[in-house]
């Protein structure tokens, strides 16, 4: 499920309670926000569920198969009630899918970024593998955008109206780029001691037209922002029907275990002579991690609506497609 097709997904908000001595599994809180200050209802989900007695389901995202655990009737009924149709709420667990962007199998980038985030709270071995693996996101663990380019987007709206950056669902927001859209050509970037490889541009869909307050397609000029961007931002021949905003990124292996915090200096260490072409891989795959940033207490701002599960299934990170703009932090 994705926000562009199931717009009500953005009415689910999340929060987290980290594992500790009293609760080694941690808790995830999902709250459904009815529009117009309507009633709110929260369900509590174990952050690290016990999977021994859960049914295993096959999941195929973008022809990249994996397996997940059916979390059971209690959760399925709750999500089905608010969505208005029957769904299955699933947990990925330690399962992963292959990430096949070019350059991911070289010796510099052969580990999952999960290992750096989950090493302190998940069982030993989670996120370790010989090649890059993802969870339920489309294409990459990180999506980098520039606030300088955001100004160009906002300039397409009426005076005084600004584009809500959370609709682009980035997890790294950079400030200070000299030119609009220069990130199209960024090849590598360092943030603090972490080094990231930027592989592809992010093609946008109608999810950026959705009104996150109502859970419905937006009205007015902000509800046509996709069309506005299509006039001059269809710059990637590999995604020729989609306007580009942001860059997909993976960490290099030498950044395993490094932390990125709000306020760290970002330095572009390699620029490409030309824009990369999206789709130069065998098939689209992706998923990010079990603990997407929004699920980790909003220390990060992640691209929540990338996860795409079959129409009758909610992938575990998928449900967190909405981000509370009052609580996000910028990188």
Protein backbone atom coordinates (compact mmCIF):
# COMPACT_ATOMS: atom_id res chain seq x y z
CA UNK A 1 0.00 0.00 0.00
CA UNK A 2 1.20 3.49 -0.77
CA UNK A 3 -0.09 6.97 -0.02
CA UNK A 4 -0.60 7.82 -3.69
CA UNK A 5 -3.27 5.11 -3.94
CA UNK A 6 -4.44 4.80 -0.32
CA UNK A 7 -4.37 8.42 0.81
CA UNK A 8 -5.78 7.63 4.25
CA UNK A 9 -2.47 6.02 5.16
CA UNK A 10 -1.12 9.45 6.09
CA UNK A 11 -3.56 9.66 9.01
CA UNK A 12 -1.52 7.10 10.95
CA UNK A 13 1.14 8.63 13.21
CA UNK A 14 3.76 6.77 15.20
CA UNK A 15 5.88 7.06 18.29
CA UNK A 16 8.33 4.76 20.02
CA UNK A 17 9.41 3.57 23.42
CA UNK A 18 12.95 2.22 23.35
CA UNK A 19 13.82 -1.15 24.82
CA UNK A 20 15.22 -0.99 28.34
CA UNK A 21 15.80 -3.21 31.35
CA UNK A 22 12.08 -3.34 32.16
CA UNK A 23 10.93 -3.85 28.59
CA UNK A 24 13.59 -5.53 26.42
CA UNK A 25 11.31 -5.60 23.36
CA UNK A 26 10.31 -1.93 23.32
CA UNK A 27 6.99 -0.55 22.11
CA UNK A 28 5.67 1.09 18.99
CA UNK A 29 2.59 3.29 19.24
CA UNK A 30 0.42 3.86 16.18
CA UNK A 31 -2.26 6.53 16.45
CA UNK A 32 -4.99 7.12 13.88
CA UNK A 33 -5.88 10.80 13.58
CA UNK A 34 -9.37 11.50 12.32
CA UNK A 35 -9.54 14.70 10.21
CA UNK A 36 -10.91 17.97 11.61
CA UNK A 37 -9.75 17.23 15.15
CA UNK A 38 -11.79 14.06 15.22
CA UNK A 39 -11.23 11.17 17.63
CA UNK A 40 -7.84 9.54 17.95
CA UNK A 41 -7.14 5.95 18.79
CA UNK A 42 -3.79 4.35 19.56
CA UNK A 43 -2.66 0.75 19.32
CA UNK A 44 0.48 -0.56 21.01
CA UNK A 45 2.77 -2.88 19.05
CA UNK A 46 5.86 -4.66 20.41
CA UNK A 47 8.91 -3.20 18.74
CA UNK A 48 10.53 -6.63 18.54
CA UNK A 49 7.65 -9.12 18.45
CA UNK A 50 7.98 -12.77 19.39
CA UNK A 51 7.72 -14.54 16.02
CA UNK A 52 7.85 -18.22 16.97
CA UNK A 53 4.07 -18.64 16.79
CA UNK A 54 3.28 -16.22 13.97
CA UNK A 55 2.25 -17.37 10.49
CA UNK A 56 4.79 -16.66 7.75
CA UNK A 57 3.58 -14.95 4.58
CA UNK A 58 5.28 -14.45 1.22
CA UNK A 59 5.71 -10.80 0.24
CA UNK A 60 6.82 -9.58 -3.19
CA UNK A 61 7.68 -5.91 -3.52
CA UNK A 62 8.73 -4.80 -6.98
CA UNK A 63 9.43 -8.42 -7.92
CA UNK A 64 11.87 -8.62 -5.02
CA UNK A 65 10.51 -11.38 -2.78
CA UNK A 66 10.87 -11.89 0.95
CA UNK A 67 8.82 -13.25 3.84
CA UNK A 68 7.09 -11.57 6.77
CA UNK A 69 5.11 -12.53 9.85
CA UNK A 70 1.35 -12.07 10.17
CA UNK A 71 0.96 -10.11 13.42
CA UNK A 72 -2.46 -11.57 14.06
CA UNK A 73 -6.17 -10.81 14.38
CA UNK A 74 -5.85 -8.08 17.03
CA UNK A 75 -3.72 -5.83 14.83
CA UNK A 76 -5.37 -6.79 11.55
CA UNK A 77 -8.82 -5.81 12.85
CA UNK A 78 -7.58 -2.48 14.19
CA UNK A 79 -5.97 -1.37 10.94
CA UNK A 80 -8.84 -2.76 8.87
CA UNK A 81 -11.34 -0.74 10.92
CA UNK A 82 -9.63 2.55 10.24
CA UNK A 83 -8.79 1.84 6.61
CA UNK A 84 -12.28 0.59 5.80
CA UNK A 85 -11.23 -2.67 4.20
CA UNK A 86 -9.55 -5.87 5.31
CA UNK A 87 -5.77 -5.77 5.60
CA UNK A 88 -3.02 -7.85 7.16
CA UNK A 89 -0.42 -6.22 9.38
CA UNK A 90 2.95 -7.90 8.96
CA UNK A 91 6.35 -7.77 10.63
CA UNK A 92 9.49 -8.25 8.55
CA UNK A 93 11.68 -9.62 11.32
CA UNK A 94 15.18 -10.56 10.20
CA UNK A 95 14.08 -11.13 6.60
CA UNK A 96 15.53 -8.91 3.89
CA UNK A 97 15.27 -8.26 0.16
CA UNK A 98 18.07 -7.70 -2.32
CA UNK A 99 19.07 -4.21 -3.32
CA UNK A 100 20.31 -4.20 -6.89
CA UNK A 101 21.35 -0.66 -7.66
CA UNK A 102 24.67 -0.64 -9.52
CA UNK A 103 27.66 -0.38 -7.24
CA UNK A 104 26.07 -1.97 -4.19
CA UNK A 105 27.97 -5.21 -4.41
CA UNK A 106 31.45 -3.68 -4.41
CA UNK A 107 33.61 -4.00 -1.35
CA UNK A 108 32.96 -0.43 -0.24
CA UNK A 109 29.22 -0.90 0.12
CA UNK A 110 28.36 -4.38 1.19
CA UNK A 111 26.60 -4.09 4.51
CA UNK A 112 23.16 -3.05 5.59
CA UNK A 113 22.83 0.29 7.33
CA UNK A 114 20.61 -1.57 9.80
CA UNK A 115 23.66 -2.78 11.67
CA UNK A 116 24.58 0.69 12.86
CA UNK A 117 21.12 1.50 14.15
CA UNK A 118 19.99 -1.81 15.57
CA UNK A 119 23.22 -3.08 17.11
CA UNK A 120 22.27 -1.75 20.52
CA UNK A 121 18.68 -2.98 20.61
CA UNK A 122 18.35 -5.97 18.31
CA UNK A 123 19.78 -9.48 18.53
CA UNK A 124 23.34 -9.98 17.31
CA UNK A 125 23.48 -10.58 13.57
CA UNK A 126 20.56 -8.41 12.49
CA UNK A 127 21.50 -6.42 9.39
CA UNK A 128 24.68 -8.38 8.70
CA UNK A 129 25.18 -9.78 5.23
CA UNK A 130 27.62 -9.92 2.37
CA UNK A 131 25.61 -7.62 0.14
CA UNK A 132 23.37 -4.63 0.64
CA UNK A 133 19.92 -5.62 1.86
CA UNK A 134 16.82 -3.55 2.48
CA UNK A 135 13.48 -3.99 4.16
CA UNK A 136 10.20 -2.48 2.93
CA UNK A 137 11.29 0.80 1.31
CA UNK A 138 11.36 1.24 -2.44
CA UNK A 139 14.97 1.76 -3.32
CA UNK A 140 17.35 2.86 -0.59
CA UNK A 141 17.82 3.35 3.15
CA UNK A 142 18.34 7.10 2.81
CA UNK A 143 16.67 9.83 0.79
CA UNK A 144 18.52 13.15 0.73
CA UNK A 145 16.85 16.45 -0.19
CA UNK A 146 17.97 20.07 -0.23
CA UNK A 147 16.10 22.98 1.35
CA UNK A 148 17.50 25.19 -1.39
CA UNK A 149 15.61 23.14 -3.97
CA UNK A 150 12.54 23.14 -1.74
CA UNK A 151 12.39 26.90 -2.21
CA UNK A 152 12.02 26.30 -5.94
CA UNK A 153 9.08 24.01 -5.23
CA UNK A 154 7.44 26.53 -2.90
CA UNK A 155 7.88 29.27 -5.51
CA UNK A 156 5.35 27.41 -7.68
CA UNK A 157 2.67 27.93 -5.02
CA UNK A 158 0.75 31.15 -4.24
CA UNK A 159 2.56 33.84 -2.27
CA UNK A 160 2.90 32.96 1.38
CA UNK A 161 2.32 29.23 0.86
CA UNK A 162 5.23 26.85 1.41
CA UNK A 163 5.57 23.26 0.31
CA UNK A 164 5.45 20.81 3.21
CA UNK A 165 8.79 19.00 3.00
CA UNK A 166 7.42 16.02 4.93
CA UNK A 167 5.36 15.09 1.85
CA UNK A 168 8.64 14.24 0.12
CA UNK A 169 9.39 11.88 3.02
CA UNK A 170 13.18 12.42 3.24
CA UNK A 171 15.30 11.23 6.10
CA UNK A 172 18.19 13.61 5.50
CA UNK A 173 17.42 17.28 4.88
CA UNK A 174 20.40 19.45 4.00
CA UNK A 175 20.59 23.21 4.20
CA UNK A 176 23.09 25.54 2.56
CA UNK A 177 23.38 24.30 -1.03
CA UNK A 178 24.41 27.20 -3.25
CA UNK A 179 22.15 26.35 -6.17
CA UNK A 180 18.73 24.85 -6.65
CA UNK A 181 18.79 21.25 -7.87
CA UNK A 182 22.55 20.88 -7.63
CA UNK A 183 21.94 17.66 -5.67
CA UNK A 184 20.96 16.00 -8.97
CA UNK A 185 24.70 15.68 -9.60
CA UNK A 186 25.92 14.71 -6.14
CA UNK A 187 27.74 11.38 -6.22
CA UNK A 188 29.13 11.01 -2.71
CA UNK A 189 28.65 12.95 0.50
CA UNK A 190 30.07 12.87 4.00
CA UNK A 191 28.05 13.83 7.07
CA UNK A 192 30.18 13.87 10.17
CA UNK A 193 32.21 10.67 9.96
CA UNK A 194 29.63 8.86 7.82
CA UNK A 195 30.13 8.50 4.06
CA UNK A 196 27.21 7.97 1.72
CA UNK A 197 27.00 7.02 -1.94
CA UNK A 198 24.19 8.74 -3.86
CA UNK A 199 23.10 6.42 -6.63
CA UNK A 200 19.86 7.62 -8.16
CA UNK A 201 17.43 10.50 -8.32
CA UNK A 202 14.03 10.07 -6.70
CA UNK A 203 11.11 10.25 -9.11
CA UNK A 204 7.95 11.64 -7.54
CA UNK A 205 4.36 10.43 -7.68
CA UNK A 206 0.94 11.82 -6.77
CA UNK A 207 1.53 11.24 -3.05
CA UNK A 208 2.97 14.77 -2.87
CA UNK A 209 -0.50 16.08 -3.80
CA UNK A 210 -2.13 14.48 -0.76
CA UNK A 211 -3.42 16.65 2.10
CA UNK A 212 -1.89 15.06 5.20
CA UNK A 213 -4.47 16.70 7.46
CA UNK A 214 -7.50 15.22 5.71
CA UNK A 215 -6.03 12.03 4.26
CA UNK A 216 -7.49 12.94 0.87
CA UNK A 217 -6.15 14.38 -2.41
CA UNK A 218 -5.23 17.99 -1.84
CA UNK A 219 -7.30 20.88 -3.09
CA UNK A 220 -6.12 24.19 -4.47
CA UNK A 221 -2.66 24.84 -5.83
CA UNK A 222 -0.90 22.52 -3.37
CA UNK A 223 -2.99 19.65 -4.71
CA UNK A 224 -1.43 20.11 -8.15
CA UNK A 225 2.21 20.33 -7.14
CA UNK A 226 3.10 17.16 -9.06
CA UNK A 227 1.83 18.69 -12.29
CA UNK A 228 3.73 21.90 -11.56
CA UNK A 229 6.98 19.99 -11.09
CA UNK A 230 6.44 18.00 -14.26
CA UNK A 231 6.87 21.15 -16.31
CA UNK A 232 10.62 21.35 -15.75
CA UNK A 233 11.73 18.59 -13.37
CA UNK A 234 11.34 15.56 -15.63
CA UNK A 235 15.10 15.47 -15.98
CA UNK A 236 15.88 11.76 -15.60
CA UNK A 237 15.35 9.68 -18.78
CA UNK A 238 15.14 6.56 -16.62
CA UNK A 239 12.02 7.99 -14.96
CA UNK A 240 10.85 10.25 -17.76
CA UNK A 241 7.27 10.60 -16.53
CA UNK A 242 8.23 11.53 -12.97
CA UNK A 243 9.60 14.85 -11.72
CA UNK A 244 12.78 14.52 -9.68
CA UNK A 245 13.28 15.73 -6.13
CA UNK A 246 15.99 14.20 -3.94
CA UNK A 247 18.67 11.52 -4.17
CA UNK A 248 18.69 7.90 -2.97
CA UNK A 249 21.74 7.05 -0.87
CA UNK A 250 23.51 4.10 0.75
CA UNK A 251 26.25 4.16 3.40
CA UNK A 252 29.69 2.88 2.56
CA UNK A 253 30.87 -0.07 4.60
CA UNK A 254 33.44 2.10 6.38
CA UNK A 255 30.54 4.07 7.86
CA UNK A 256 29.07 1.06 9.63
CA UNK A 257 28.38 2.10 13.21
CA UNK A 258 28.77 5.84 12.58
CA UNK A 259 26.13 8.22 13.87
CA UNK A 260 24.54 11.15 12.05
CA UNK A 261 22.99 13.89 14.14
CA UNK A 262 21.09 17.08 13.50
CA UNK A 263 23.53 19.91 12.90
CA UNK A 264 26.41 17.83 11.51
CA UNK A 265 28.29 19.39 8.60
CA UNK A 266 27.65 17.77 5.22
CA UNK A 267 30.32 17.88 2.50
CA UNK A 268 29.80 16.79 -1.09
CA UNK A 269 32.92 14.75 -1.81
CA UNK A 270 32.14 13.72 -5.39
CA UNK A 271 30.05 15.30 -8.11
CA UNK A 272 28.90 13.52 -11.25
CA UNK A 273 29.45 15.16 -14.63
CA UNK A 274 25.93 14.12 -15.66
CA UNK A 275 22.75 13.09 -13.90
CA UNK A 276 22.48 9.42 -13.09
CA UNK A 277 19.83 7.45 -14.92
CA UNK A 278 17.20 5.73 -12.81
CA UNK A 279 16.45 2.11 -13.64
CA UNK A 280 19.90 0.90 -14.58
CA UNK A 281 19.52 -2.29 -12.58
CA UNK A 282 17.86 -5.65 -13.06
CA UNK A 283 14.71 -4.78 -11.20
CA UNK A 284 13.49 -2.26 -8.70
CA UNK A 285 13.96 -3.54 -5.24
CA UNK A 286 14.18 -1.96 -1.92
CA UNK A 287 13.07 -1.73 1.56
CA UNK A 288 14.76 0.01 4.28
CA UNK A 289 14.84 -1.40 7.71
CA UNK A 290 12.60 -2.70 10.38
CA UNK A 291 13.20 0.31 12.56
CA UNK A 292 12.50 3.14 10.16
CA UNK A 293 13.55 6.46 11.54
CA UNK A 294 10.08 7.66 12.38
CA UNK A 295 9.64 4.47 14.40
CA UNK A 296 12.81 5.25 16.34
CA UNK A 297 11.20 8.16 18.09
CA UNK A 298 11.40 10.65 15.23
CA UNK A 299 15.12 11.20 15.68
CA UNK A 300 15.15 10.93 11.92
CA UNK A 301 12.65 11.96 9.26
CA UNK A 302 12.17 9.06 6.90
CA UNK A 303 10.48 8.41 3.61
CA UNK A 304 7.57 6.56 5.10
CA UNK A 305 5.39 5.88 2.14
CA UNK A 306 7.98 4.17 0.03
CA UNK A 307 7.02 0.70 1.30
CA UNK A 308 4.70 -0.99 -1.19
CA UNK A 309 2.97 -4.16 -0.18
CA UNK A 310 0.29 -6.11 -2.04
CA UNK A 311 -3.09 -4.39 -1.91
CA UNK A 312 -4.32 -6.66 0.86
CA UNK A 313 -1.25 -6.31 3.08
CA UNK A 314 0.33 -3.64 5.21
CA UNK A 315 4.08 -4.03 5.44
CA UNK A 316 5.36 -3.28 8.94
CA UNK A 317 7.14 0.00 8.23
CA UNK A 318 4.52 0.90 5.62
CA UNK A 319 1.91 1.99 8.06
CA UNK A 320 4.07 4.85 9.19
CA UNK A 321 3.66 6.85 6.02
CA UNK A 322 2.68 10.03 7.80
CA UNK A 323 5.11 12.21 9.66
CA UNK A 324 4.05 14.84 12.12
CA UNK A 325 5.67 18.03 10.80
CA UNK A 326 5.71 19.48 14.31
CA UNK A 327 8.00 16.73 15.54
CA UNK A 328 10.46 16.05 12.75
CA UNK A 329 14.12 16.98 12.92
CA UNK A 330 16.24 18.08 10.04
CA UNK A 331 19.67 16.76 9.11
